[in-house]
Amino acid sequence: MYFSSLLCSIVRSVSKRTTRTFSVIAKSPSTIEQSLTYTDTVLVLSLMLPSRQEICRFHLNLQTATVGQVIDEIKSEDAGVEHVQIYDQNGVSLAKSYPVNSLMTYPFTIELNKQRTFLFDPIKKVELKETIVRQHKGDGPSTEDTVAALYHALNVMKIYHHKYLELQKEANDLSVQLESLEKVKDKLADICQRYTSRCIWYGLGAMSFQVGILAELTWDVYSWDIVEPISYFIAFGTAISIYSFHLMTRFDFEFMTMTDRLFLRRFYSEAHRHSFDVSLYNQLKDRLFGVNTDIARLRAPLSLSLPAPPNPVKCKISGEELNLLDVCRTRRVN
């Protein structure tokens, strides 16, 4: 009797242990690998999708992405995910318009289908990153800085030379395109210059003719008492014309202003007659000037880490040193 009761107690204890072991194994959750990494511009979020049972990595722009975009990306990757919600550290649900950049300032939780919950803490990653950076700064220049400085020292001349060849090729292409346009422009400029000179001489002839008429009226036909009011009205009418020119053009009535206006008006009319594209010519000239300016800046001594030239370019009048960019602009104008 004693032996049978002992045997029953042993069987009961073994059955309880087996049941307890099976229940623990059934309730143990599956290990889920989750990660969150981000830089100044990119957010990399790794999640275990419930339907596919695999890790999916999402790449988002940290500066422009929102919570709604994260939710849409998760739903588009796994059709079995019907409910996605993101909560902050206090359990408050976040709206879809909430920026992800602000989400990186505190721990947050992602819930899928109201069952699986993933907790992410970006603050720990930031603290770890700052600690590593402080250690590198305290130990001296890091390996990355040394490699970057070495790469710059070894390849800066190659980069400058490659950029110089690109700019030189572009300048040559622009010069070839401008060659035919320059010939037409010079031809039109000669026509307009002759027209401007004729207008100036015609103006001098008209003024001389006016003086001759007034002199004849004064000494041969009438007396000065009669011609004086006529000369007064002529002078006052000339003043009114000059003032009207200033009001309409907002320029002073000067010799250079008048000749430039006559030249430009004639030039645009001749360009329209000869089908000369003035806007295209101006665009090509501006681009060529920009390329020449970049070449001058690229070949400057400071950009090449060279000392100042022994014979710098100096102004012939004042004797001051001139910048290469100013010299390039002066050559373009001339």
Protein backbone atom coordinates (compact mmCIF):
# COMPACT_ATOMS: atom_id res chain seq x y z
CA MET A 1 0.00 0.00 0.00
CA TYR A 2 2.81 2.34 0.85
CA PHE A 3 4.66 1.45 -2.36
CA SER A 4 1.59 2.06 -4.59
CA SER A 5 0.99 5.49 -3.04
CA LEU A 6 4.64 6.45 -3.58
CA LEU A 7 4.44 5.37 -7.22
CA CYS A 8 1.28 7.44 -7.78
CA SER A 9 2.92 10.54 -6.30
CA ILE A 10 5.95 10.14 -8.59
CA VAL A 11 3.73 9.82 -11.69
CA ARG A 12 1.74 12.92 -10.72
CA SER A 13 4.87 15.03 -10.20
CA VAL A 14 6.32 14.01 -13.58
CA SER A 15 3.04 14.79 -15.38
CA LYS A 16 2.91 18.25 -13.75
CA ARG A 17 6.47 19.04 -14.79
CA THR A 18 5.81 17.91 -18.36
CA THR A 19 2.66 20.00 -18.60
CA ARG A 20 4.42 23.02 -17.14
CA THR A 21 7.32 22.61 -19.57
CA PHE A 22 5.04 22.33 -22.58
CA SER A 23 3.04 25.36 -21.50
CA VAL A 24 6.19 27.50 -21.14
CA ILE A 25 7.44 26.42 -24.54
CA ALA A 26 4.07 27.20 -26.12
CA LYS A 27 3.96 30.64 -24.55
CA SER A 28 7.56 31.63 -25.38
CA PRO A 29 7.46 34.31 -28.05
CA SER A 30 9.46 34.00 -31.23
CA THR A 31 12.59 36.08 -31.39
CA ILE A 32 12.11 39.11 -33.64
CA GLU A 33 15.08 41.06 -34.95
CA GLN A 34 14.20 44.72 -35.05
CA SER A 35 16.51 47.64 -35.64
CA LEU A 36 16.45 51.36 -36.22
CA THR A 37 19.32 53.33 -37.75
CA TYR A 38 19.30 56.86 -39.06
CA THR A 39 21.62 59.63 -40.18
CA ASP A 40 21.02 63.28 -40.96
CA THR A 41 19.00 62.46 -44.08
CA VAL A 42 18.10 58.73 -44.18
CA LEU A 43 16.03 56.59 -41.82
CA VAL A 44 16.44 52.79 -42.01
CA LEU A 45 13.71 50.86 -40.18
CA SER A 46 13.71 47.03 -39.98
CA LEU A 47 10.48 45.23 -39.01
CA MET A 48 9.25 41.63 -38.91
CA LEU A 49 6.14 41.46 -41.12
CA PRO A 50 3.46 39.19 -39.62
CA SER A 51 2.20 37.56 -42.83
CA ARG A 52 5.53 37.01 -44.55
CA GLN A 53 7.45 36.22 -41.32
CA GLU A 54 10.58 37.95 -42.56
CA ILE A 55 12.52 41.09 -41.88
CA CYS A 56 11.75 44.02 -44.19
CA ARG A 57 13.92 47.12 -44.28
CA PHE A 58 12.35 50.50 -45.04
CA HIS A 59 14.38 53.48 -46.25
CA LEU A 60 12.80 56.92 -45.75
CA ASN A 61 13.94 60.50 -46.06
CA LEU A 62 14.34 61.77 -42.54
CA GLN A 63 13.75 65.41 -43.50
CA THR A 64 10.53 64.99 -45.51
CA ALA A 65 8.96 61.70 -44.36
CA THR A 66 5.91 61.58 -42.11
CA VAL A 67 4.23 58.96 -39.95
CA GLY A 68 1.64 58.46 -42.69
CA GLN A 69 4.36 57.53 -45.17
CA VAL A 70 5.78 54.96 -42.74
CA ILE A 71 2.33 53.42 -42.30
CA ASP A 72 1.72 53.33 -46.07
CA GLU A 73 5.10 51.69 -46.69
CA ILE A 74 4.37 48.94 -44.15
CA LYS A 75 0.89 48.26 -45.56
CA SER A 76 2.15 48.17 -49.14
CA GLU A 77 4.83 45.60 -48.26
CA ASP A 78 2.50 43.24 -46.34
CA ALA A 79 -1.12 42.97 -47.46
CA GLY A 80 -1.97 41.14 -44.24
CA VAL A 81 -1.25 44.22 -42.16
CA GLU A 82 -4.55 46.06 -41.85
CA HIS A 83 -3.87 48.19 -38.80
CA VAL A 84 -0.66 50.12 -38.16
CA GLN A 85 -0.36 52.66 -35.38
CA ILE A 86 2.58 54.57 -33.92
CA TYR A 87 2.58 55.75 -30.29
CA ASP A 88 4.94 57.99 -28.40
CA GLN A 89 6.57 57.14 -25.07
CA ASN A 90 3.39 58.14 -23.19
CA GLY A 91 1.12 55.91 -25.29
CA VAL A 92 -0.41 58.78 -27.28
CA SER A 93 -1.27 57.97 -30.90
CA LEU A 94 0.56 60.07 -33.49
CA ALA A 95 -1.17 61.61 -36.51
CA LYS A 96 -0.16 60.73 -40.07
CA SER A 97 1.09 64.26 -40.68
CA TYR A 98 3.58 64.05 -37.80
CA PRO A 99 7.16 64.42 -39.13
CA VAL A 100 9.55 61.53 -38.66
CA ASN A 101 12.37 63.95 -37.88
CA SER A 102 10.60 64.94 -34.67
CA LEU A 103 9.91 61.28 -33.93
CA MET A 104 13.65 60.65 -33.52
CA THR A 105 13.79 62.77 -30.36
CA TYR A 106 12.13 60.24 -28.00
CA PRO A 107 11.27 56.50 -27.80
CA PHE A 108 8.24 55.37 -29.80
CA THR A 109 6.21 52.21 -30.39
CA ILE A 110 4.92 50.62 -33.62
CA GLU A 111 1.86 48.38 -33.37
CA LEU A 112 0.87 45.95 -36.16
CA ASN A 113 -2.66 44.51 -36.29
CA LYS A 114 -3.09 45.37 -32.58
CA GLN A 115 -1.00 42.31 -31.65
CA ARG A 116 2.71 42.77 -32.18
CA THR A 117 4.38 45.75 -30.63
CA PHE A 118 7.87 46.99 -31.46
CA LEU A 119 9.65 49.48 -29.21
CA PHE A 120 12.40 51.70 -30.62
CA ASP A 121 14.62 54.04 -28.66
CA PRO A 122 16.62 56.35 -30.97
CA ILE A 123 17.93 58.41 -28.03
CA LYS A 124 20.24 55.59 -26.92
CA LYS A 125 21.72 55.41 -30.40
CA VAL A 126 22.36 59.14 -30.39
CA GLU A 127 24.04 58.96 -26.97
CA LEU A 128 26.19 56.05 -28.11
CA LYS A 129 27.15 57.92 -31.28
CA GLU A 130 28.06 61.07 -29.34
CA THR A 131 30.17 59.02 -26.92
CA ILE A 132 32.11 57.47 -29.78
CA VAL A 133 32.65 60.88 -31.37
CA ARG A 134 33.92 62.33 -28.08
CA GLN A 135 36.33 59.44 -27.69
CA HIS A 136 37.68 59.98 -31.19
CA LYS A 137 38.08 63.71 -30.57
CA GLY A 138 39.83 63.10 -27.28
CA ASP A 139 42.25 60.59 -28.80
CA GLY A 140 43.19 62.97 -31.64
CA PRO A 141 42.36 63.03 -35.35
CA SER A 142 40.33 60.01 -36.32
CA THR A 143 41.20 57.58 -39.07
CA GLU A 144 38.37 58.88 -41.24
CA ASP A 145 39.70 62.44 -41.04
CA THR A 146 43.21 61.28 -41.86
CA VAL A 147 42.01 59.25 -44.84
CA ALA A 148 39.90 62.17 -46.08
CA ALA A 149 42.83 64.57 -45.80
CA LEU A 150 45.11 62.11 -47.58
CA TYR A 151 42.56 61.57 -50.34
CA HIS A 152 42.19 65.32 -50.79
CA ALA A 153 45.95 65.82 -50.96
CA LEU A 154 46.41 63.04 -53.51
CA ASN A 155 43.43 63.75 -55.75
CA VAL A 156 42.82 67.49 -55.55
CA MET A 157 45.05 68.22 -58.56
CA LYS A 158 43.36 65.47 -60.57
CA ILE A 159 39.95 66.88 -59.72
CA TYR A 160 41.02 70.40 -60.63
CA HIS A 161 42.56 69.22 -63.88
CA HIS A 162 39.48 67.19 -64.80
CA LYS A 163 37.22 70.16 -64.06
CA TYR A 164 39.53 72.45 -66.03
CA LEU A 165 39.32 70.15 -69.07
CA GLU A 166 35.52 70.08 -68.84
CA LEU A 167 35.30 73.87 -68.66
CA GLN A 168 37.82 74.28 -71.47
CA LYS A 169 35.84 71.89 -73.69
CA GLU A 170 32.62 73.75 -72.93
CA ALA A 171 34.31 77.07 -73.69
CA ASN A 172 35.54 75.73 -77.04
CA ASP A 173 32.05 74.44 -77.91
CA LEU A 174 30.53 77.81 -77.06
CA SER A 175 33.16 79.60 -79.12
CA VAL A 176 32.34 77.38 -82.12
CA GLN A 177 28.63 78.13 -81.74
CA LEU A 178 29.32 81.84 -81.42
CA GLU A 179 31.66 82.01 -84.41
CA SER A 180 28.91 82.22 -87.03
CA LEU A 181 26.80 84.49 -84.85
CA GLU A 182 29.76 86.80 -84.29
CA LYS A 183 30.18 87.27 -88.04
CA VAL A 184 26.53 88.22 -88.47
CA LYS A 185 26.68 90.46 -85.41
CA ASP A 186 29.76 92.29 -86.70
CA LYS A 187 28.07 92.82 -90.05
CA LEU A 188 24.95 94.24 -88.41
CA ALA A 189 27.09 96.36 -86.08
CA ASP A 190 28.86 97.94 -89.07
CA ILE A 191 25.53 98.77 -90.68
CA CYS A 192 24.19 100.29 -87.46
CA GLN A 193 27.40 102.24 -86.86
CA ARG A 194 27.19 103.83 -90.31
CA TYR A 195 23.54 104.63 -89.71
CA THR A 196 24.38 106.29 -86.37
CA SER A 197 27.16 108.35 -87.97
CA ARG A 198 24.82 109.50 -90.74
CA CYS A 199 22.21 110.55 -88.17
CA ILE A 200 24.82 112.59 -86.27
CA TRP A 201 25.98 114.37 -89.42
CA TYR A 202 22.38 114.93 -90.53
CA GLY A 203 21.70 116.54 -87.16
CA LEU A 204 24.69 118.84 -87.56
CA GLY A 205 23.52 119.76 -91.07
CA ALA A 206 19.99 120.51 -89.81
CA MET A 207 21.34 122.77 -87.07
CA SER A 208 23.60 124.58 -89.57
CA PHE A 209 20.67 125.03 -91.94
CA GLN A 210 18.59 126.46 -89.08
CA VAL A 211 21.32 128.95 -88.20
CA GLY A 212 21.64 129.97 -91.85
CA ILE A 213 17.90 130.56 -92.19
CA LEU A 214 17.80 132.68 -89.03
CA ALA A 215 20.84 134.69 -90.18
CA GLU A 216 19.26 135.37 -93.57
CA LEU A 217 15.99 136.43 -91.93
CA THR A 218 17.88 138.70 -89.54
CA TRP A 219 20.20 140.54 -91.94
CA ASP A 220 18.55 140.27 -95.36
CA VAL A 221 14.77 139.86 -95.04
CA TYR A 222 13.75 141.16 -91.61
CA SER A 223 15.38 142.87 -88.67
CA TRP A 224 16.46 141.41 -85.32
CA ASP A 225 13.36 142.74 -83.60
CA ILE A 226 11.19 140.48 -85.74
CA VAL A 227 13.44 137.37 -85.71
CA GLU A 228 14.08 137.49 -81.95
CA PRO A 229 10.65 136.05 -80.95
CA ILE A 230 11.08 133.31 -83.58
CA SER A 231 14.46 132.29 -82.13
CA TYR A 232 12.94 132.34 -78.64
CA PHE A 233 10.20 129.88 -79.61
CA ILE A 234 12.75 127.67 -81.37
CA ALA A 235 14.94 127.54 -78.26
CA PHE A 236 11.97 126.92 -75.96
CA GLY A 237 10.68 124.17 -78.26
CA THR A 238 14.13 122.51 -78.16
CA ALA A 239 14.07 122.60 -74.33
CA ILE A 240 10.60 121.03 -74.34
CA SER A 241 11.84 118.26 -76.67
CA ILE A 242 14.81 117.48 -74.40
CA TYR A 243 12.57 117.38 -71.32
CA SER A 244 10.09 115.10 -73.11
CA PHE A 245 12.94 112.75 -74.05
CA HIS A 246 13.97 112.58 -70.38
CA LEU A 247 10.41 111.83 -69.25
CA MET A 248 9.88 109.05 -71.78
CA THR A 249 13.28 107.34 -71.50
CA ARG A 250 14.41 108.35 -67.97
CA PHE A 251 17.85 109.11 -69.42
CA ASP A 252 19.72 112.35 -69.79
CA PHE A 253 19.85 113.95 -73.21
CA GLU A 254 23.55 113.34 -73.84
CA PHE A 255 25.61 112.48 -76.87
CA MET A 256 26.47 108.92 -75.76
CA THR A 257 22.88 108.22 -74.73
CA MET A 258 21.50 109.36 -78.08
CA THR A 259 24.07 107.42 -80.11
CA ASP A 260 23.48 104.24 -78.08
CA ARG A 261 19.73 104.47 -78.54
CA LEU A 262 20.07 105.06 -82.27
CA PHE A 263 22.49 102.14 -82.55
CA LEU A 264 20.31 99.71 -80.57
CA ARG A 265 17.08 100.61 -82.35
CA ARG A 266 18.72 100.12 -85.71
CA PHE A 267 20.46 96.93 -84.56
CA TYR A 268 17.24 95.23 -83.41
CA SER A 269 15.46 96.19 -86.61
CA GLU A 270 18.32 94.82 -88.72
CA ALA A 271 18.47 91.66 -86.56
CA HIS A 272 14.77 91.04 -87.18
CA ARG A 273 15.29 91.61 -90.89
CA HIS A 274 18.25 89.19 -91.11
CA SER A 275 16.66 86.60 -88.71
CA PHE A 276 19.39 87.06 -86.12
CA ASP A 277 18.45 85.56 -82.71
CA VAL A 278 19.64 88.18 -80.24
CA SER A 279 18.43 86.26 -77.16
CA LEU A 280 20.36 83.13 -78.17
CA TYR A 281 23.46 85.21 -78.78
CA ASN A 282 23.17 86.84 -75.36
CA GLN A 283 22.66 83.48 -73.64
CA LEU A 284 25.74 82.00 -75.29
CA LYS A 285 27.84 85.05 -74.45
CA ASP A 286 26.71 85.00 -70.82
CA ARG A 287 27.45 81.29 -70.54
CA LEU A 288 30.89 81.76 -72.12
CA PHE A 289 31.63 84.56 -69.68
CA GLY A 290 30.57 82.32 -66.77
CA VAL A 291 32.80 79.49 -68.00
CA ASN A 292 35.78 81.82 -68.40
CA THR A 293 35.14 83.16 -64.90
CA ASP A 294 35.08 79.61 -63.51
CA ILE A 295 38.33 78.82 -65.32
CA ALA A 296 39.97 81.94 -63.89
CA ARG A 297 38.71 81.06 -60.41
CA LEU A 298 39.85 77.44 -60.81
CA ARG A 299 43.34 78.44 -61.89
CA ALA A 300 43.70 81.01 -59.11
CA PRO A 301 46.73 80.50 -56.83
CA LEU A 302 44.61 80.16 -53.68
CA SER A 303 42.51 77.36 -55.20
CA LEU A 304 45.65 75.47 -56.19
CA SER A 305 47.30 76.10 -52.79
CA LEU A 306 50.11 77.99 -54.49
CA PRO A 307 51.86 81.20 -53.44
CA ALA A 308 51.08 84.51 -55.08
CA PRO A 309 52.56 84.94 -58.58
CA PRO A 310 55.85 86.87 -58.70
CA ASN A 311 54.56 89.23 -61.40
CA PRO A 312 50.90 89.96 -60.65
CA VAL A 313 48.69 91.78 -63.12
CA LYS A 314 48.75 95.50 -62.36
CA CYS A 315 46.71 98.42 -63.61
CA LYS A 316 48.63 100.65 -66.03
CA ILE A 317 47.08 103.82 -64.62
CA SER A 318 46.95 103.35 -60.83
CA GLY A 319 49.51 100.56 -60.46
CA GLU A 320 47.20 98.48 -58.24
CA GLU A 321 47.07 94.70 -58.48
CA LEU A 322 44.10 93.38 -60.43
CA ASN A 323 42.08 90.26 -59.80
CA LEU A 324 41.98 87.66 -62.55
CA LEU A 325 38.19 87.81 -62.55
CA ASP A 326 38.27 91.57 -63.17
CA VAL A 327 40.75 91.07 -65.99
CA CYS A 328 38.44 88.46 -67.55
CA ARG A 329 35.46 90.80 -67.32
CA THR A 330 37.45 93.66 -68.87
CA ARG A 331 38.50 91.49 -71.79
CA ARG A 332 34.89 90.44 -72.33
CA VAL A 333 33.73 94.05 -72.48
CA ASN A 334 36.51 95.01 -74.88
